[in-house]
Amino acid sequence: GVNSIGLKRRGFTIDKINHILDIYRTIYNKGLN
């Protein structure tokens, strides 16, 4: 998963964290190489 707690502590916005989540869903959750 994404290090969302650490990112919140360092001032990342919810929108940025969700953007990072979407990136890693593409990398890891869609069956792609």
PDB file of all heavy atoms in Angstrom:
ATOM      1  N   GLY A   1       0.812  -1.214   0.000  1.00  0.00           N
ATOM      2  CA  GLY A   1       0.000   0.000   0.000  1.00  0.00           C
ATOM      3  C   GLY A   1       0.843   1.259   0.000  1.00  0.00           C
ATOM      4  O   GLY A   1       2.064   1.225   0.113  1.00  0.00           O
ATOM      5  N   VAL A   2       0.169   2.381  -0.133  1.00  0.00           N
ATOM      6  CA  VAL A   2       0.824   3.697  -0.111  1.00  0.00           C
ATOM      7  C   VAL A   2       1.043   4.114   1.340  1.00  0.00           C
ATOM      8  O   VAL A   2       0.216   3.841   2.217  1.00  0.00           O
ATOM      9  CB  VAL A   2      -0.023   4.727  -0.872  1.00  0.00           C
ATOM     10  CG1 VAL A   2       0.456   6.153  -0.629  1.00  0.00           C
ATOM     11  CG2 VAL A   2       0.001   4.409  -2.370  1.00  0.00           C
ATOM     12  N   ASN A   3       2.155   4.777   1.598  1.00  0.00           N
ATOM     13  CA  ASN A   3       2.494   5.227   2.955  1.00  0.00           C
ATOM     14  C   ASN A   3       1.687   6.485   3.294  1.00  0.00           C
ATOM     15  O   ASN A   3       2.242   7.572   3.508  1.00  0.00           O
ATOM     16  CB  ASN A   3       4.002   5.489   3.040  1.00  0.00           C
ATOM     17  CG  ASN A   3       4.463   5.842   4.443  1.00  0.00           C
ATOM     18  OD1 ASN A   3       3.764   5.597   5.434  1.00  0.00           O
ATOM     19  ND2 ASN A   3       5.639   6.421   4.540  1.00  0.00           N
ATOM     20  N   SER A   4       0.373   6.345   3.344  1.00  0.00           N
ATOM     21  CA  SER A   4      -0.513   7.502   3.469  1.00  0.00           C
ATOM     22  C   SER A   4      -0.345   8.216   4.803  1.00  0.00           C
ATOM     23  O   SER A   4      -0.409   9.451   4.865  1.00  0.00           O
ATOM     24  CB  SER A   4      -1.972   7.080   3.277  1.00  0.00           C
ATOM     25  OG  SER A   4      -2.318   6.042   4.166  1.00  0.00           O
ATOM     26  N   ILE A   5      -0.116   7.479   5.890  1.00  0.00           N
ATOM     27  CA  ILE A   5       0.052   8.121   7.192  1.00  0.00           C
ATOM     28  C   ILE A   5       1.304   8.988   7.192  1.00  0.00           C
ATOM     29  O   ILE A   5       1.294  10.143   7.625  1.00  0.00           O
ATOM     30  CB  ILE A   5       0.110   7.061   8.312  1.00  0.00           C
ATOM     31  CG1 ILE A   5      -1.255   6.380   8.444  1.00  0.00           C
ATOM     32  CG2 ILE A   5       0.526   7.697   9.640  1.00  0.00           C
ATOM     33  CD1 ILE A   5      -1.271   5.233   9.431  1.00  0.00           C
ATOM     34  N   GLY A   6       2.416   8.431   6.685  1.00  0.00           N
ATOM     35  CA  GLY A   6       3.649   9.206   6.608  1.00  0.00           C
ATOM     36  C   GLY A   6       3.492  10.436   5.725  1.00  0.00           C
ATOM     37  O   GLY A   6       3.986  11.526   6.052  1.00  0.00           O
ATOM     38  N   LEU A   7       2.774  10.290   4.607  1.00  0.00           N
ATOM     39  CA  LEU A   7       2.593  11.418   3.698  1.00  0.00           C
ATOM     40  C   LEU A   7       1.731  12.511   4.342  1.00  0.00           C
ATOM     41  O   LEU A   7       2.013  13.706   4.188  1.00  0.00           O
ATOM     42  CB  LEU A   7       1.962  10.939   2.394  1.00  0.00           C
ATOM     43  CG  LEU A   7       2.829   9.975   1.564  1.00  0.00           C
ATOM     44  CD1 LEU A   7       2.063   9.524   0.328  1.00  0.00           C
ATOM     45  CD2 LEU A   7       4.151  10.607   1.164  1.00  0.00           C
ATOM     46  N   LYS A   8       0.688  12.125   5.072  1.00  0.00           N
ATOM     47  CA  LYS A   8      -0.131  13.117   5.778  1.00  0.00           C
ATOM     48  C   LYS A   8       0.707  13.887   6.790  1.00  0.00           C
ATOM     49  O   LYS A   8       0.582  15.111   6.920  1.00  0.00           O
ATOM     50  CB  LYS A   8      -1.294  12.428   6.486  1.00  0.00           C
ATOM     51  CG  LYS A   8      -2.393  11.943   5.572  1.00  0.00           C
ATOM     52  CD  LYS A   8      -3.467  11.212   6.373  1.00  0.00           C
ATOM     53  CE  LYS A   8      -4.503  10.592   5.455  1.00  0.00           C
ATOM     54  NZ  LYS A   8      -5.483   9.780   6.232  1.00  0.00           N
ATOM     55  N   ARG A   9       1.563  13.165   7.510  1.00  0.00           N
ATOM     56  CA  ARG A   9       2.404  13.825   8.509  1.00  0.00           C
ATOM     57  C   ARG A   9       3.339  14.842   7.873  1.00  0.00           C
ATOM     58  O   ARG A   9       3.748  15.811   8.524  1.00  0.00           O
ATOM     59  CB  ARG A   9       3.220  12.774   9.269  1.00  0.00           C
ATOM     60  CG  ARG A   9       2.396  11.917  10.221  1.00  0.00           C
ATOM     61  CD  ARG A   9       3.237  10.803  10.797  1.00  0.00           C
ATOM     62  NE  ARG A   9       2.478   9.989  11.752  1.00  0.00           N
ATOM     63  CZ  ARG A   9       2.875   8.808  12.215  1.00  0.00           C
ATOM     64  NH1 ARG A   9       4.036   8.287  11.798  1.00  0.00           N
ATOM     65  NH2 ARG A   9       2.143   8.154  13.087  1.00  0.00           N
ATOM     66  N   ARG A  10       3.692  14.619   6.623  1.00  0.00           N
ATOM     67  CA  ARG A  10       4.631  15.530   5.954  1.00  0.00           C
ATOM     68  C   ARG A  10       3.930  16.579   5.105  1.00  0.00           C
ATOM     69  O   ARG A  10       4.565  17.244   4.296  1.00  0.00           O
ATOM     70  CB  ARG A  10       5.606  14.700   5.110  1.00  0.00           C
ATOM     71  CG  ARG A  10       6.531  13.877   5.995  1.00  0.00           C
ATOM     72  CD  ARG A  10       7.194  12.729   5.282  1.00  0.00           C
ATOM     73  NE  ARG A  10       7.540  11.682   6.234  1.00  0.00           N
ATOM     74  CZ  ARG A  10       7.567  10.393   5.952  1.00  0.00           C
ATOM     75  NH1 ARG A  10       7.284   9.980   4.727  1.00  0.00           N
ATOM     76  NH2 ARG A  10       7.883   9.511   6.881  1.00  0.00           N
ATOM     77  N   GLY A  11       2.624  16.692   5.255  1.00  0.00           N
ATOM     78  CA  GLY A  11       1.908  17.786   4.618  1.00  0.00           C
ATOM     79  C   GLY A  11       1.351  17.512   3.245  1.00  0.00           C
ATOM     80  O   GLY A  11       0.887  18.438   2.572  1.00  0.00           O
ATOM     81  N   PHE A  12       1.370  16.270   2.785  1.00  0.00           N
ATOM     82  CA  PHE A  12       0.762  15.951   1.500  1.00  0.00           C
ATOM     83  C   PHE A  12      -0.759  16.094   1.606  1.00  0.00           C
ATOM     84  O   PHE A  12      -1.372  15.651   2.576  1.00  0.00           O
ATOM     85  CB  PHE A  12       1.106  14.525   1.068  1.00  0.00           C
ATOM     86  CG  PHE A  12       2.482  14.370   0.478  1.00  0.00           C
ATOM     87  CD1 PHE A  12       3.612  14.489   1.273  1.00  0.00           C
ATOM     88  CD2 PHE A  12       2.657  14.098  -0.866  1.00  0.00           C
ATOM     89  CE1 PHE A  12       4.893  14.345   0.749  1.00  0.00           C
ATOM     90  CE2 PHE A  12       3.930  13.949  -1.415  1.00  0.00           C
ATOM     91  CZ  PHE A  12       5.041  14.082  -0.604  1.00  0.00           C
ATOM     92  N   THR A  13      -1.381  16.708   0.605  1.00  0.00           N
ATOM     93  CA  THR A  13      -2.828  16.865   0.605  1.00  0.00           C
ATOM     94  C   THR A  13      -3.507  15.527   0.294  1.00  0.00           C
ATOM     95  O   THR A  13      -2.894  14.611  -0.271  1.00  0.00           O
ATOM     96  CB  THR A  13      -3.256  17.897  -0.440  1.00  0.00           C
ATOM     97  OG1 THR A  13      -2.924  17.395  -1.753  1.00  0.00           O
ATOM     98  CG2 THR A  13      -2.562  19.228  -0.205  1.00  0.00           C
ATOM     99  N   ILE A  14      -4.792  15.449   0.644  1.00  0.00           N
ATOM    100  CA  ILE A  14      -5.558  14.239   0.336  1.00  0.00           C
ATOM    101  C   ILE A  14      -5.599  13.996  -1.172  1.00  0.00           C
ATOM    102  O   ILE A  14      -5.485  12.854  -1.635  1.00  0.00           O
ATOM    103  CB  ILE A  14      -6.990  14.356   0.901  1.00  0.00           C
ATOM    104  CG1 ILE A  14      -6.951  14.437   2.438  1.00  0.00           C
ATOM    105  CG2 ILE A  14      -7.843  13.174   0.457  1.00  0.00           C
ATOM    106  CD1 ILE A  14      -6.345  13.236   3.121  1.00  0.00           C
ATOM    107  N   ASP A  15      -5.733  15.063  -1.951  1.00  0.00           N
ATOM    108  CA  ASP A  15      -5.757  14.909  -3.416  1.00  0.00           C
ATOM    109  C   ASP A  15      -4.450  14.308  -3.934  1.00  0.00           C
ATOM    110  O   ASP A  15      -4.467  13.427  -4.819  1.00  0.00           O
ATOM    111  CB  ASP A  15      -6.003  16.263  -4.086  1.00  0.00           C
ATOM    112  CG  ASP A  15      -7.441  16.739  -3.930  1.00  0.00           C
ATOM    113  OD1 ASP A  15      -8.304  15.906  -3.584  1.00  0.00           O
ATOM    114  OD2 ASP A  15      -7.693  17.938  -4.139  1.00  0.00           O
ATOM    115  N   LYS A  16      -3.299  14.780  -3.393  1.00  0.00           N
ATOM    116  CA  LYS A  16      -2.023  14.219  -3.839  1.00  0.00           C
ATOM    117  C   LYS A  16      -1.891  12.751  -3.447  1.00  0.00           C
ATOM    118  O   LYS A  16      -1.401  11.929  -4.225  1.00  0.00           O
ATOM    119  CB  LYS A  16      -0.861  15.019  -3.237  1.00  0.00           C
ATOM    120  CG  LYS A  16      -0.473  16.245  -4.042  1.00  0.00           C
ATOM    121  CD  LYS A  16       0.881  16.792  -3.618  1.00  0.00           C
ATOM    122  CE  LYS A  16       1.292  17.932  -4.532  1.00  0.00           C
ATOM    123  NZ  LYS A  16       2.615  18.477  -4.182  1.00  0.00           N
ATOM    124  N   ILE A  17      -2.329  12.441  -2.223  1.00  0.00           N
ATOM    125  CA  ILE A  17      -2.241  11.041  -1.772  1.00  0.00           C
ATOM    126  C   ILE A  17      -3.127  10.150  -2.640  1.00  0.00           C
ATOM    127  O   ILE A  17      -2.726   9.050  -3.049  1.00  0.00           O
ATOM    128  CB  ILE A  17      -2.605  10.938  -0.279  1.00  0.00           C
ATOM    129  CG1 ILE A  17      -1.553  11.669   0.562  1.00  0.00           C
ATOM    130  CG2 ILE A  17      -2.711   9.477   0.148  1.00  0.00           C
ATOM    131  CD1 ILE A  17      -1.917  11.819   2.025  1.00  0.00           C
ATOM    132  N   ASN A  18      -4.326  10.610  -2.963  1.00  0.00           N
ATOM    133  CA  ASN A  18      -5.208   9.823  -3.827  1.00  0.00           C
ATOM    134  C   ASN A  18      -4.629   9.673  -5.234  1.00  0.00           C
ATOM    135  O   ASN A  18      -4.779   8.623  -5.876  1.00  0.00           O
ATOM    136  CB  ASN A  18      -6.591  10.466  -3.889  1.00  0.00           C
ATOM    137  CG  ASN A  18      -7.390  10.234  -2.621  1.00  0.00           C
ATOM    138  OD1 ASN A  18      -7.192   9.228  -1.932  1.00  0.00           O
ATOM    139  ND2 ASN A  18      -8.288  11.152  -2.296  1.00  0.00           N
ATOM    140  N   HIS A  19      -3.959  10.713  -5.719  1.00  0.00           N
ATOM    141  CA  HIS A  19      -3.285  10.629  -7.019  1.00  0.00           C
ATOM    142  C   HIS A  19      -2.208   9.541  -6.983  1.00  0.00           C
ATOM    143  O   HIS A  19      -2.107   8.728  -7.911  1.00  0.00           O
ATOM    144  CB  HIS A  19      -2.674  11.988  -7.339  1.00  0.00           C
ATOM    145  CG  HIS A  19      -1.821  12.018  -8.562  1.00  0.00           C
ATOM    146  ND1 HIS A  19      -2.290  11.713  -9.825  1.00  0.00           N
ATOM    147  CD2 HIS A  19      -0.504  12.344  -8.720  1.00  0.00           C
ATOM    148  CE1 HIS A  19      -1.305  11.837 -10.698  1.00  0.00           C
ATOM    149  NE2 HIS A  19      -0.224  12.219 -10.054  1.00  0.00           N
ATOM    150  N   ILE A  20      -1.408   9.504  -5.910  1.00  0.00           N
ATOM    151  CA  ILE A  20      -0.375   8.468  -5.755  1.00  0.00           C
ATOM    152  C   ILE A  20      -1.018   7.093  -5.662  1.00  0.00           C
ATOM    153  O   ILE A  20      -0.528   6.114  -6.262  1.00  0.00           O
ATOM    154  CB  ILE A  20       0.501   8.776  -4.522  1.00  0.00           C
ATOM    155  CG1 ILE A  20       1.315  10.057  -4.760  1.00  0.00           C
ATOM    156  CG2 ILE A  20       1.431   7.614  -4.202  1.00  0.00           C
ATOM    157  CD1 ILE A  20       1.966  10.629  -3.512  1.00  0.00           C
ATOM    158  N   LEU A  21      -2.143   6.988  -4.935  1.00  0.00           N
ATOM    159  CA  LEU A  21      -2.870   5.713  -4.847  1.00  0.00           C
ATOM    160  C   LEU A  21      -3.305   5.231  -6.225  1.00  0.00           C
ATOM    161  O   LEU A  21      -3.166   4.044  -6.564  1.00  0.00           O
ATOM    162  CB  LEU A  21      -4.082   5.870  -3.933  1.00  0.00           C
ATOM    163  CG  LEU A  21      -3.837   5.781  -2.431  1.00  0.00           C
ATOM    164  CD1 LEU A  21      -5.044   6.307  -1.666  1.00  0.00           C
ATOM    165  CD2 LEU A  21      -3.539   4.339  -2.022  1.00  0.00           C
ATOM    166  N   ASP A  22      -3.828   6.133  -7.048  1.00  0.00           N
ATOM    167  CA  ASP A  22      -4.263   5.754  -8.397  1.00  0.00           C
ATOM    168  C   ASP A  22      -3.089   5.248  -9.233  1.00  0.00           C
ATOM    169  O   ASP A  22      -3.229   4.287  -9.998  1.00  0.00           O
ATOM    170  CB  ASP A  22      -4.916   6.952  -9.091  1.00  0.00           C
ATOM    171  CG  ASP A  22      -6.294   7.280  -8.528  1.00  0.00           C
ATOM    172  OD1 ASP A  22      -6.895   6.399  -7.881  1.00  0.00           O
ATOM    173  OD2 ASP A  22      -6.748   8.426  -8.727  1.00  0.00           O
ATOM    174  N   ILE A  23      -1.928   5.891  -9.071  1.00  0.00           N
ATOM    175  CA  ILE A  23      -0.743   5.445  -9.805  1.00  0.00           C
ATOM    176  C   ILE A  23      -0.386   4.017  -9.420  1.00  0.00           C
ATOM    177  O   ILE A  23      -0.144   3.158 -10.289  1.00  0.00           O
ATOM    178  CB  ILE A  23       0.435   6.406  -9.535  1.00  0.00           C
ATOM    179  CG1 ILE A  23       0.195   7.755 -10.206  1.00  0.00           C
ATOM    180  CG2 ILE A  23       1.752   5.794 -10.027  1.00  0.00           C
ATOM    181  CD1 ILE A  23       1.179   8.840  -9.799  1.00  0.00           C
ATOM    182  N   TYR A  24      -0.360   3.744  -8.128  1.00  0.00           N
ATOM    183  CA  TYR A  24       0.054   2.409  -7.700  1.00  0.00           C
ATOM    184  C   TYR A  24      -1.025   1.356  -7.934  1.00  0.00           C
ATOM    185  O   TYR A  24      -0.701   0.167  -8.107  1.00  0.00           O
ATOM    186  CB  TYR A  24       0.520   2.441  -6.242  1.00  0.00           C
ATOM    187  CG  TYR A  24       1.941   2.962  -6.158  1.00  0.00           C
ATOM    188  CD1 TYR A  24       2.220   4.210  -5.614  1.00  0.00           C
ATOM    189  CD2 TYR A  24       2.998   2.226  -6.677  1.00  0.00           C
ATOM    190  CE1 TYR A  24       3.520   4.704  -5.573  1.00  0.00           C
ATOM    191  CE2 TYR A  24       4.291   2.709  -6.657  1.00  0.00           C
ATOM    192  CZ  TYR A  24       4.552   3.942  -6.102  1.00  0.00           C
ATOM    193  OH  TYR A  24       5.831   4.419  -6.079  1.00  0.00           O
ATOM    194  N   ARG A  25      -2.297   1.757  -8.002  1.00  0.00           N
ATOM    195  CA  ARG A  25      -3.331   0.795  -8.425  1.00  0.00           C
ATOM    196  C   ARG A  25      -3.073   0.339  -9.856  1.00  0.00           C
ATOM    197  O   ARG A  25      -3.256  -0.839 -10.195  1.00  0.00           O
ATOM    198  CB  ARG A  25      -4.719   1.431  -8.303  1.00  0.00           C
ATOM    199  CG  ARG A  25      -5.198   1.617  -6.870  1.00  0.00           C
ATOM    200  CD  ARG A  25      -6.665   2.042  -6.844  1.00  0.00           C
ATOM    201  NE  ARG A  25      -7.079   2.319  -5.476  1.00  0.00           N
ATOM    202  CZ  ARG A  25      -7.345   3.531  -5.008  1.00  0.00           C
ATOM    203  NH1 ARG A  25      -7.232   4.598  -5.805  1.00  0.00           N
ATOM    204  NH2 ARG A  25      -7.716   3.713  -3.759  1.00  0.00           N
ATOM    205  N   THR A  26      -2.634   1.272 -10.688  1.00  0.00           N
ATOM    206  CA  THR A  26      -2.309   0.923 -12.076  1.00  0.00           C
ATOM    207  C   THR A  26      -1.107  -0.012 -12.143  1.00  0.00           C
ATOM    208  O   THR A  26      -1.095  -0.984 -12.911  1.00  0.00           O
ATOM    209  CB  THR A  26      -2.032   2.198 -12.893  1.00  0.00           C
ATOM    210  OG1 THR A  26      -3.200   3.014 -12.881  1.00  0.00           O
ATOM    211  CG2 THR A  26      -1.642   1.867 -14.322  1.00  0.00           C
ATOM    212  N   ILE A  27      -0.113   0.255 -11.315  1.00  0.00           N
ATOM    213  CA  ILE A  27       1.110  -0.560 -11.350  1.00  0.00           C
ATOM    214  C   ILE A  27       0.864  -1.958 -10.791  1.00  0.00           C
ATOM    215  O   ILE A  27       1.340  -2.963 -11.352  1.00  0.00           O
ATOM    216  CB  ILE A  27       2.240   0.138 -10.565  1.00  0.00           C
ATOM    217  CG1 ILE A  27       2.650   1.439 -11.263  1.00  0.00           C
ATOM    218  CG2 ILE A  27       3.448  -0.782 -10.396  1.00  0.00           C
ATOM    219  CD1 ILE A  27       3.583   2.314 -10.446  1.00  0.00           C
ATOM    220  N   TYR A  28       0.104  -2.041  -9.698  1.00  0.00           N
ATOM    221  CA  TYR A  28       0.046  -3.304  -8.947  1.00  0.00           C
ATOM    222  C   TYR A  28      -1.295  -4.036  -8.991  1.00  0.00           C
ATOM    223  O   TYR A  28      -1.336  -5.227  -8.700  1.00  0.00           O
ATOM    224  CB  TYR A  28       0.398  -3.034  -7.482  1.00  0.00           C
ATOM    225  CG  TYR A  28       1.874  -2.798  -7.250  1.00  0.00           C
ATOM    226  CD1 TYR A  28       2.341  -1.564  -6.831  1.00  0.00           C
ATOM    227  CD2 TYR A  28       2.810  -3.813  -7.452  1.00  0.00           C
ATOM    228  CE1 TYR A  28       3.703  -1.344  -6.608  1.00  0.00           C
ATOM    229  CE2 TYR A  28       4.159  -3.611  -7.237  1.00  0.00           C
ATOM    230  CZ  TYR A  28       4.604  -2.370  -6.814  1.00  0.00           C
ATOM    231  OH  TYR A  28       5.944  -2.166  -6.608  1.00  0.00           O
ATOM    232  N   ASN A  29      -2.400  -3.363  -9.331  1.00  0.00           N
ATOM    233  CA  ASN A  29      -3.711  -3.997  -9.150  1.00  0.00           C
ATOM    234  C   ASN A  29      -4.429  -4.374 -10.441  1.00  0.00           C
ATOM    235  O   ASN A  29      -5.532  -4.901 -10.391  1.00  0.00           O
ATOM    236  CB  ASN A  29      -4.635  -3.065  -8.348  1.00  0.00           C
ATOM    237  CG  ASN A  29      -4.187  -2.891  -6.910  1.00  0.00           C
ATOM    238  OD1 ASN A  29      -3.159  -3.418  -6.508  1.00  0.00           O
ATOM    239  ND2 ASN A  29      -4.960  -2.150  -6.141  1.00  0.00           N
ATOM    240  N   LYS A  30      -3.847  -4.083 -11.590  1.00  0.00           N
ATOM    241  CA  LYS A  30      -4.576  -4.277 -12.843  1.00  0.00           C
ATOM    242  C   LYS A  30      -4.024  -5.414 -13.697  1.00  0.00           C
ATOM    243  O   LYS A  30      -4.386  -5.537 -14.870  1.00  0.00           O
ATOM    244  CB  LYS A  30      -4.602  -2.965 -13.634  1.00  0.00           C
ATOM    245  CG  LYS A  30      -5.380  -1.876 -12.917  1.00  0.00           C
ATOM    246  CD  LYS A  30      -5.647  -0.679 -13.800  1.00  0.00           C
ATOM    247  CE  LYS A  30      -6.555   0.322 -13.089  1.00  0.00           C
ATOM    248  NZ  LYS A  30      -6.847   1.498 -13.934  1.00  0.00           N
ATOM    249  N   GLY A  31      -3.133  -6.210 -13.121  1.00  0.00           N
ATOM    250  CA  GLY A  31      -2.619  -7.365 -13.854  1.00  0.00           C
ATOM    251  C   GLY A  31      -1.673  -7.020 -14.978  1.00  0.00           C
ATOM    252  O   GLY A  31      -1.453  -7.839 -15.887  1.00  0.00           O
ATOM    253  N   LEU A  32      -1.094  -5.827 -14.944  1.00  0.00           N
ATOM    254  CA  LEU A  32      -0.166  -5.412 -15.987  1.00  0.00           C
ATOM    255  C   LEU A  32       1.270  -5.735 -15.597  1.00  0.00           C
ATOM    256  O   LEU A  32       1.595  -5.780 -14.407  1.00  0.00           O
ATOM    257  CB  LEU A  32      -0.278  -3.899 -16.202  1.00  0.00           C
ATOM    258  CG  LEU A  32      -1.662  -3.339 -16.531  1.00  0.00           C
ATOM    259  CD1 LEU A  32      -1.636  -1.820 -16.466  1.00  0.00           C
ATOM    260  CD2 LEU A  32      -2.125  -3.814 -17.909  1.00  0.00           C
ATOM    261  N   ASN A  33       2.129  -5.944 -16.582  1.00  0.00           N
ATOM    262  CA  ASN A  33       3.545  -5.988 -16.244  1.00  0.00           C
ATOM    263  C   ASN A  33       4.047  -4.558 -16.068  1.00  0.00           C
ATOM    264  O   ASN A  33       3.355  -3.587 -16.412  1.00  0.00           O
ATOM    265  CB  ASN A  33       4.365  -6.785 -17.270  1.00  0.00           C
ATOM    266  CG  ASN A  33       4.394  -6.153 -18.640  1.00  0.00           C
ATOM    267  OD1 ASN A  33       4.444  -4.927 -18.787  1.00  0.00           O
ATOM    268  ND2 ASN A  33       4.375  -6.988 -19.677  1.00  0.00           N
TER     269      ASN A  33
END
